[in-house]
């Protein structure tokens, strides 16, 4: 059951606690309660989007998943040792084979490095088709 807080008129901020893949997860969005089916459509869209391991993920979604799931000790931001135009970009540690563990810019990970960082059920999904 969603919890709601009215903002103005019939527009409300809605919070959902949904069980997806056996875990309780929390979501937030805005609904127009003038449309009585709005919260149900939002809940259905969240569940469809968040429980689609057999469907496609875009490269950006894969990178965001990696960023949000990597422990803080293994991610950060490019600092003084990086070229000035790269400072502040997101970085993650990756296994570099014979080079050992290396720090790389998140948005420059190869497809193989992305696959290695994803959970097994998300590694080889097809790319999402851009609209």
N, C-alpha and C. Protein backbone atom coordinates (compact mmCIF):
# COMPACT_ATOMS: atom_id res chain seq x y z
N UNK A 1 0.85 -1.19 0.00
CA UNK A 1 0.00 0.00 0.00
C UNK A 1 0.89 1.24 0.00
N UNK A 2 0.63 2.17 -0.91
CA UNK A 2 1.46 3.37 -0.95
C UNK A 2 1.11 4.32 0.19
N UNK A 3 2.09 5.10 0.59
CA UNK A 3 1.91 6.18 1.54
C UNK A 3 1.99 7.47 0.72
N UNK A 4 1.12 8.44 0.98
CA UNK A 4 1.10 9.64 0.14
C UNK A 4 1.12 10.91 0.98
N UNK A 5 1.67 11.96 0.40
CA UNK A 5 1.68 13.29 1.01
C UNK A 5 1.26 14.28 -0.08
N UNK A 6 0.17 15.00 0.15
CA UNK A 6 -0.32 15.93 -0.86
C UNK A 6 0.59 17.13 -0.99
N UNK A 7 0.87 17.50 -2.24
CA UNK A 7 1.71 18.66 -2.53
C UNK A 7 0.85 19.86 -2.89
N UNK A 8 -0.01 19.69 -3.89
CA UNK A 8 -0.90 20.75 -4.32
C UNK A 8 -2.07 20.13 -5.08
N UNK A 9 -3.26 20.55 -4.76
CA UNK A 9 -4.43 20.00 -5.43
C UNK A 9 -4.47 18.49 -5.31
N UNK A 10 -4.58 17.81 -6.45
CA UNK A 10 -4.65 16.35 -6.43
C UNK A 10 -3.30 15.70 -6.68
N UNK A 11 -2.23 16.49 -6.83
CA UNK A 11 -0.88 15.94 -7.04
C UNK A 11 -0.29 15.57 -5.68
N UNK A 12 0.21 14.37 -5.61
CA UNK A 12 0.76 13.90 -4.35
C UNK A 12 2.06 13.15 -4.56
N UNK A 13 2.88 13.18 -3.56
CA UNK A 13 4.12 12.42 -3.53
C UNK A 13 3.76 11.04 -2.97
N UNK A 14 4.13 9.99 -3.68
CA UNK A 14 3.75 8.64 -3.30
C UNK A 14 4.99 7.81 -3.03
N UNK A 15 4.97 7.08 -1.92
CA UNK A 15 6.07 6.20 -1.54
C UNK A 15 5.56 4.77 -1.56
N UNK A 16 6.31 3.88 -2.20
CA UNK A 16 5.94 2.47 -2.28
C UNK A 16 7.00 1.63 -1.59
N UNK A 17 6.56 0.63 -0.85
CA UNK A 17 7.43 -0.44 -0.36
C UNK A 17 6.96 -1.68 -1.11
N UNK A 18 7.77 -2.15 -2.06
CA UNK A 18 7.38 -3.27 -2.92
C UNK A 18 8.36 -4.41 -2.76
N UNK A 19 7.84 -5.63 -2.73
CA UNK A 19 8.69 -6.81 -2.71
C UNK A 19 8.94 -7.23 -4.16
N UNK A 20 10.21 -7.16 -4.55
CA UNK A 20 10.62 -7.50 -5.91
C UNK A 20 11.77 -8.49 -5.81
N UNK A 21 11.62 -9.62 -6.45
CA UNK A 21 12.64 -10.68 -6.40
C UNK A 21 12.99 -11.05 -4.96
N UNK A 22 11.98 -11.09 -4.10
CA UNK A 22 12.17 -11.54 -2.72
C UNK A 22 12.75 -10.51 -1.77
N UNK A 23 12.95 -9.27 -2.24
CA UNK A 23 13.50 -8.21 -1.40
C UNK A 23 12.53 -7.04 -1.35
N UNK A 24 12.39 -6.44 -0.17
CA UNK A 24 11.58 -5.23 -0.06
C UNK A 24 12.42 -4.07 -0.56
N UNK A 25 11.86 -3.31 -1.50
CA UNK A 25 12.55 -2.14 -2.05
C UNK A 25 11.62 -0.95 -1.96
N UNK A 26 12.20 0.23 -1.91
CA UNK A 26 11.43 1.45 -1.70
C UNK A 26 11.53 2.37 -2.91
N UNK A 27 10.40 2.96 -3.29
CA UNK A 27 10.32 3.80 -4.46
C UNK A 27 9.50 5.05 -4.15
N UNK A 28 9.77 6.10 -4.91
CA UNK A 28 9.08 7.37 -4.73
C UNK A 28 8.67 7.90 -6.11
N UNK A 29 7.53 8.53 -6.18
CA UNK A 29 7.09 9.15 -7.42
C UNK A 29 5.96 10.12 -7.14
N UNK A 30 5.43 10.71 -8.18
CA UNK A 30 4.32 11.66 -8.05
C UNK A 30 3.13 11.14 -8.84
N UNK A 31 1.95 11.25 -8.25
CA UNK A 31 0.72 10.80 -8.90
C UNK A 31 -0.32 11.91 -8.84
N UNK A 32 -1.20 11.90 -9.82
CA UNK A 32 -2.36 12.78 -9.82
C UNK A 32 -3.53 11.94 -9.35
N UNK A 33 -3.96 12.14 -8.11
CA UNK A 33 -5.01 11.30 -7.55
C UNK A 33 -6.39 11.64 -8.12
N UNK A 34 -6.47 12.68 -8.95
CA UNK A 34 -7.70 12.92 -9.69
C UNK A 34 -7.96 11.72 -10.60
N UNK A 35 -6.87 11.13 -11.10
CA UNK A 35 -6.93 9.90 -11.89
C UNK A 35 -6.75 8.74 -10.90
N UNK A 36 -7.83 8.11 -10.51
CA UNK A 36 -7.81 7.09 -9.45
C UNK A 36 -6.88 5.92 -9.75
N UNK A 37 -6.59 5.65 -11.04
CA UNK A 37 -5.73 4.51 -11.37
C UNK A 37 -4.25 4.89 -11.42
N UNK A 38 -3.93 6.16 -11.19
CA UNK A 38 -2.54 6.63 -11.28
C UNK A 38 -1.58 5.86 -10.36
N UNK A 39 -1.89 5.68 -9.06
CA UNK A 39 -0.96 4.92 -8.21
C UNK A 39 -0.79 3.47 -8.66
N UNK A 40 -1.86 2.84 -9.11
CA UNK A 40 -1.78 1.45 -9.57
C UNK A 40 -0.92 1.34 -10.82
N UNK A 41 -1.06 2.30 -11.75
CA UNK A 41 -0.23 2.28 -12.96
C UNK A 41 1.23 2.51 -12.61
N UNK A 42 1.49 3.42 -11.65
CA UNK A 42 2.87 3.66 -11.23
C UNK A 42 3.46 2.40 -10.60
N UNK A 43 2.71 1.74 -9.72
CA UNK A 43 3.18 0.51 -9.08
C UNK A 43 3.47 -0.55 -10.15
N UNK A 44 2.58 -0.71 -11.10
CA UNK A 44 2.78 -1.71 -12.16
C UNK A 44 4.01 -1.38 -13.00
N UNK A 45 4.21 -0.10 -13.31
CA UNK A 45 5.38 0.30 -14.10
C UNK A 45 6.67 0.05 -13.34
N UNK A 46 6.67 0.32 -12.04
CA UNK A 46 7.86 0.08 -11.23
C UNK A 46 8.18 -1.41 -11.19
N UNK A 47 7.18 -2.21 -10.93
CA UNK A 47 7.40 -3.66 -10.85
C UNK A 47 7.87 -4.21 -12.19
N UNK A 48 7.27 -3.76 -13.28
CA UNK A 48 7.68 -4.24 -14.61
C UNK A 48 9.12 -3.85 -14.89
N UNK A 49 9.48 -2.63 -14.57
CA UNK A 49 10.83 -2.14 -14.86
C UNK A 49 11.89 -2.78 -13.99
N UNK A 50 11.57 -2.97 -12.72
CA UNK A 50 12.57 -3.45 -11.76
C UNK A 50 12.68 -4.97 -11.70
N UNK A 51 11.78 -5.69 -12.32
CA UNK A 51 11.85 -7.15 -12.27
C UNK A 51 11.99 -7.73 -13.66
N UNK A 52 12.76 -7.08 -14.50
CA UNK A 52 12.90 -7.53 -15.89
C UNK A 52 14.30 -8.07 -16.20
N UNK A 53 14.80 -9.02 -15.42
CA UNK A 53 16.14 -9.51 -15.70
C UNK A 53 16.27 -10.19 -17.05
N UNK A 54 15.18 -10.63 -17.62
CA UNK A 54 15.27 -11.27 -18.93
C UNK A 54 15.10 -10.27 -20.06
N UNK A 55 14.86 -9.01 -19.72
CA UNK A 55 14.70 -7.98 -20.72
C UNK A 55 15.99 -7.19 -20.85
N UNK A 56 15.98 -6.20 -21.69
CA UNK A 56 17.18 -5.44 -22.01
C UNK A 56 17.48 -4.35 -20.99
N UNK A 57 18.76 -4.02 -20.91
CA UNK A 57 19.24 -2.88 -20.13
C UNK A 57 20.13 -2.06 -21.05
N UNK A 58 20.02 -0.76 -20.96
CA UNK A 58 20.91 0.09 -21.74
C UNK A 58 22.29 0.09 -21.09
N UNK A 59 23.29 0.53 -21.82
CA UNK A 59 24.64 0.65 -21.27
C UNK A 59 24.62 1.56 -20.04
N UNK A 60 23.90 2.67 -20.15
CA UNK A 60 23.82 3.61 -19.02
C UNK A 60 23.20 2.95 -17.80
N UNK A 61 22.15 2.15 -18.00
CA UNK A 61 21.52 1.44 -16.88
C UNK A 61 22.50 0.45 -16.25
N UNK A 62 23.27 -0.23 -17.08
CA UNK A 62 24.27 -1.16 -16.55
C UNK A 62 25.31 -0.43 -15.72
N UNK A 63 25.78 0.71 -16.22
CA UNK A 63 26.78 1.50 -15.49
C UNK A 63 26.19 2.03 -14.17
N UNK A 64 24.95 2.49 -14.20
CA UNK A 64 24.32 2.97 -12.97
C UNK A 64 24.15 1.85 -11.97
N UNK A 65 23.82 0.65 -12.45
CA UNK A 65 23.70 -0.50 -11.55
C UNK A 65 25.05 -0.80 -10.90
N UNK A 66 26.11 -0.79 -11.70
CA UNK A 66 27.45 -1.03 -11.16
C UNK A 66 27.79 0.03 -10.12
N UNK A 67 27.58 1.30 -10.46
CA UNK A 67 27.92 2.39 -9.55
C UNK A 67 27.18 2.24 -8.23
N UNK A 68 25.90 1.91 -8.28
CA UNK A 68 25.11 1.84 -7.05
C UNK A 68 25.39 0.57 -6.23
N UNK A 69 25.96 -0.45 -6.85
CA UNK A 69 26.17 -1.70 -6.12
C UNK A 69 27.62 -1.92 -5.68
N UNK A 70 28.56 -1.16 -6.24
CA UNK A 70 29.96 -1.30 -5.85
C UNK A 70 30.16 -0.65 -4.48
N UNK A 71 30.87 -1.33 -3.60
CA UNK A 71 31.15 -0.81 -2.26
C UNK A 71 31.91 0.51 -2.36
N UNK A 72 31.65 1.40 -1.42
CA UNK A 72 32.30 2.72 -1.42
C UNK A 72 33.82 2.64 -1.49
N UNK A 73 34.41 1.59 -0.93
CA UNK A 73 35.87 1.45 -0.95
C UNK A 73 36.41 1.18 -2.34
N UNK A 74 35.55 0.79 -3.28
CA UNK A 74 35.99 0.40 -4.62
C UNK A 74 35.47 1.34 -5.72
N UNK A 75 34.97 2.50 -5.30
CA UNK A 75 34.51 3.50 -6.25
C UNK A 75 34.85 4.89 -5.71
N UNK A 76 34.89 5.85 -6.62
CA UNK A 76 35.19 7.21 -6.19
C UNK A 76 35.14 8.16 -7.36
N UNK A 77 35.90 9.23 -7.26
CA UNK A 77 35.92 10.26 -8.28
C UNK A 77 37.36 10.56 -8.67
N UNK A 78 37.57 10.79 -9.94
CA UNK A 78 38.91 11.09 -10.44
C UNK A 78 39.45 12.34 -9.74
N UNK A 79 40.67 12.23 -9.23
CA UNK A 79 41.28 13.33 -8.49
C UNK A 79 42.45 13.95 -9.22
N UNK A 80 43.40 14.45 -8.45
CA UNK A 80 44.54 15.21 -8.99
C UNK A 80 45.43 14.41 -9.93
N UNK A 81 45.46 13.11 -9.83
CA UNK A 81 46.33 12.30 -10.70
C UNK A 81 45.76 12.14 -12.10
N UNK A 82 44.55 12.56 -12.31
CA UNK A 82 43.89 12.45 -13.61
C UNK A 82 44.04 13.77 -14.36
N UNK A 83 43.91 13.70 -15.67
CA UNK A 83 43.93 14.92 -16.48
C UNK A 83 42.83 15.86 -15.97
N UNK A 84 43.09 17.13 -16.05
CA UNK A 84 42.17 18.12 -15.47
C UNK A 84 40.74 17.96 -15.97
N UNK A 85 40.55 17.68 -17.26
CA UNK A 85 39.19 17.58 -17.81
C UNK A 85 38.46 16.32 -17.32
N UNK A 86 39.17 15.37 -16.70
CA UNK A 86 38.55 14.15 -16.20
C UNK A 86 38.29 14.19 -14.69
N UNK A 87 38.84 15.16 -14.02
CA UNK A 87 38.67 15.25 -12.56
C UNK A 87 37.20 15.38 -12.20
N UNK A 88 36.81 14.64 -11.19
CA UNK A 88 35.42 14.63 -10.77
C UNK A 88 34.57 13.56 -11.44
N UNK A 89 35.11 12.91 -12.48
CA UNK A 89 34.38 11.81 -13.13
C UNK A 89 34.36 10.60 -12.21
N UNK A 90 33.33 9.77 -12.32
CA UNK A 90 33.22 8.59 -11.46
C UNK A 90 34.22 7.51 -11.87
N UNK A 91 34.82 6.86 -10.88
CA UNK A 91 35.80 5.80 -11.12
C UNK A 91 35.42 4.55 -10.33
N UNK A 92 35.86 3.39 -10.84
CA UNK A 92 35.70 2.12 -10.14
C UNK A 92 36.97 1.29 -10.31
N UNK A 93 37.21 0.42 -9.35
CA UNK A 93 38.32 -0.52 -9.46
C UNK A 93 37.86 -1.72 -10.27
N UNK A 94 38.69 -2.16 -11.22
CA UNK A 94 38.41 -3.34 -12.01
C UNK A 94 39.64 -4.23 -12.04
N UNK A 95 39.42 -5.51 -12.27
CA UNK A 95 40.53 -6.44 -12.40
C UNK A 95 41.10 -6.30 -13.80
N UNK A 96 42.38 -5.97 -13.89
CA UNK A 96 43.02 -5.72 -15.17
C UNK A 96 43.91 -6.85 -15.66
N UNK A 97 43.61 -8.09 -15.27
CA UNK A 97 44.41 -9.23 -15.72
C UNK A 97 45.82 -9.17 -15.15
N UNK A 98 46.81 -9.22 -16.02
CA UNK A 98 48.20 -9.22 -15.59
C UNK A 98 48.60 -7.91 -14.91
N UNK A 99 47.87 -6.84 -15.20
CA UNK A 99 48.15 -5.55 -14.56
C UNK A 99 47.60 -5.48 -13.15
N UNK A 100 46.81 -6.46 -12.75
CA UNK A 100 46.21 -6.45 -11.42
C UNK A 100 44.99 -5.54 -11.39
N UNK A 101 44.67 -5.03 -10.23
CA UNK A 101 43.52 -4.16 -10.07
C UNK A 101 43.88 -2.75 -10.51
N UNK A 102 43.02 -2.16 -11.34
CA UNK A 102 43.28 -0.82 -11.85
C UNK A 102 42.04 0.06 -11.65
N UNK A 103 42.28 1.34 -11.53
CA UNK A 103 41.21 2.32 -11.40
C UNK A 103 40.85 2.83 -12.80
N UNK A 104 39.55 2.75 -13.13
CA UNK A 104 39.10 3.19 -14.45
C UNK A 104 37.91 4.12 -14.32
N UNK A 105 37.75 4.96 -15.31
CA UNK A 105 36.56 5.79 -15.36
C UNK A 105 35.35 4.90 -15.62
N UNK A 106 34.30 5.10 -14.87
CA UNK A 106 33.10 4.27 -15.01
C UNK A 106 32.58 4.27 -16.43
N UNK A 107 32.50 5.44 -17.06
CA UNK A 107 31.92 5.50 -18.40
C UNK A 107 32.84 5.00 -19.50
N UNK A 108 34.05 4.55 -19.13
CA UNK A 108 34.97 3.99 -20.13
C UNK A 108 35.21 2.50 -19.93
N UNK A 109 34.38 1.86 -19.11
CA UNK A 109 34.50 0.42 -18.95
C UNK A 109 34.16 -0.28 -20.26
N UNK A 110 34.89 -1.35 -20.55
CA UNK A 110 34.59 -2.15 -21.74
C UNK A 110 33.37 -3.02 -21.46
N UNK A 111 32.80 -3.60 -22.52
CA UNK A 111 31.67 -4.50 -22.33
C UNK A 111 32.04 -5.67 -21.43
N UNK A 112 33.25 -6.20 -21.57
CA UNK A 112 33.70 -7.32 -20.74
C UNK A 112 33.83 -6.89 -19.28
N UNK A 113 34.33 -5.68 -19.03
CA UNK A 113 34.46 -5.20 -17.65
C UNK A 113 33.09 -4.95 -17.04
N UNK A 114 32.17 -4.45 -17.84
CA UNK A 114 30.80 -4.24 -17.35
C UNK A 114 30.19 -5.59 -16.98
N UNK A 115 30.31 -6.56 -17.86
CA UNK A 115 29.75 -7.90 -17.60
C UNK A 115 30.33 -8.50 -16.33
N UNK A 116 31.63 -8.32 -16.11
CA UNK A 116 32.29 -8.88 -14.93
C UNK A 116 31.79 -8.23 -13.64
N UNK A 117 31.35 -7.00 -13.70
CA UNK A 117 30.88 -6.28 -12.52
C UNK A 117 29.41 -6.51 -12.21
N UNK A 118 28.66 -7.04 -13.18
CA UNK A 118 27.22 -7.25 -12.99
C UNK A 118 26.96 -8.61 -12.36
N UNK A 119 25.83 -8.74 -11.64
CA UNK A 119 25.43 -10.06 -11.16
C UNK A 119 25.23 -11.00 -12.36
N UNK A 120 25.39 -12.27 -12.15
CA UNK A 120 25.35 -13.25 -13.23
C UNK A 120 24.08 -13.13 -14.07
N UNK A 121 22.92 -12.94 -13.44
CA UNK A 121 21.66 -12.90 -14.20
C UNK A 121 21.52 -11.64 -15.06
N UNK A 122 22.40 -10.66 -14.90
CA UNK A 122 22.33 -9.44 -15.70
C UNK A 122 23.48 -9.30 -16.70
N UNK A 123 24.40 -10.23 -16.73
CA UNK A 123 25.62 -10.06 -17.51
C UNK A 123 25.43 -10.02 -19.01
N UNK A 124 24.61 -10.85 -19.54
CA UNK A 124 24.55 -10.97 -21.00
C UNK A 124 23.18 -10.66 -21.56
N UNK A 125 22.55 -9.63 -21.00
CA UNK A 125 21.26 -9.18 -21.51
C UNK A 125 21.48 -8.40 -22.79
N UNK A 126 20.53 -8.45 -23.70
CA UNK A 126 20.67 -7.62 -24.91
C UNK A 126 20.57 -6.15 -24.53
N UNK A 127 21.16 -5.30 -25.36
CA UNK A 127 21.06 -3.85 -25.15
C UNK A 127 19.64 -3.41 -25.40
N UNK A 128 19.18 -2.44 -24.64
CA UNK A 128 17.85 -1.87 -24.87
C UNK A 128 17.88 -1.07 -26.17
N UNK A 129 16.79 -1.10 -26.87
CA UNK A 129 16.68 -0.32 -28.11
C UNK A 129 16.23 1.09 -27.73
N UNK A 130 17.01 2.06 -28.13
CA UNK A 130 16.68 3.46 -27.80
C UNK A 130 15.43 3.89 -28.57
N UNK A 131 14.61 4.66 -27.90
CA UNK A 131 13.38 5.14 -28.54
C UNK A 131 13.68 6.31 -29.45
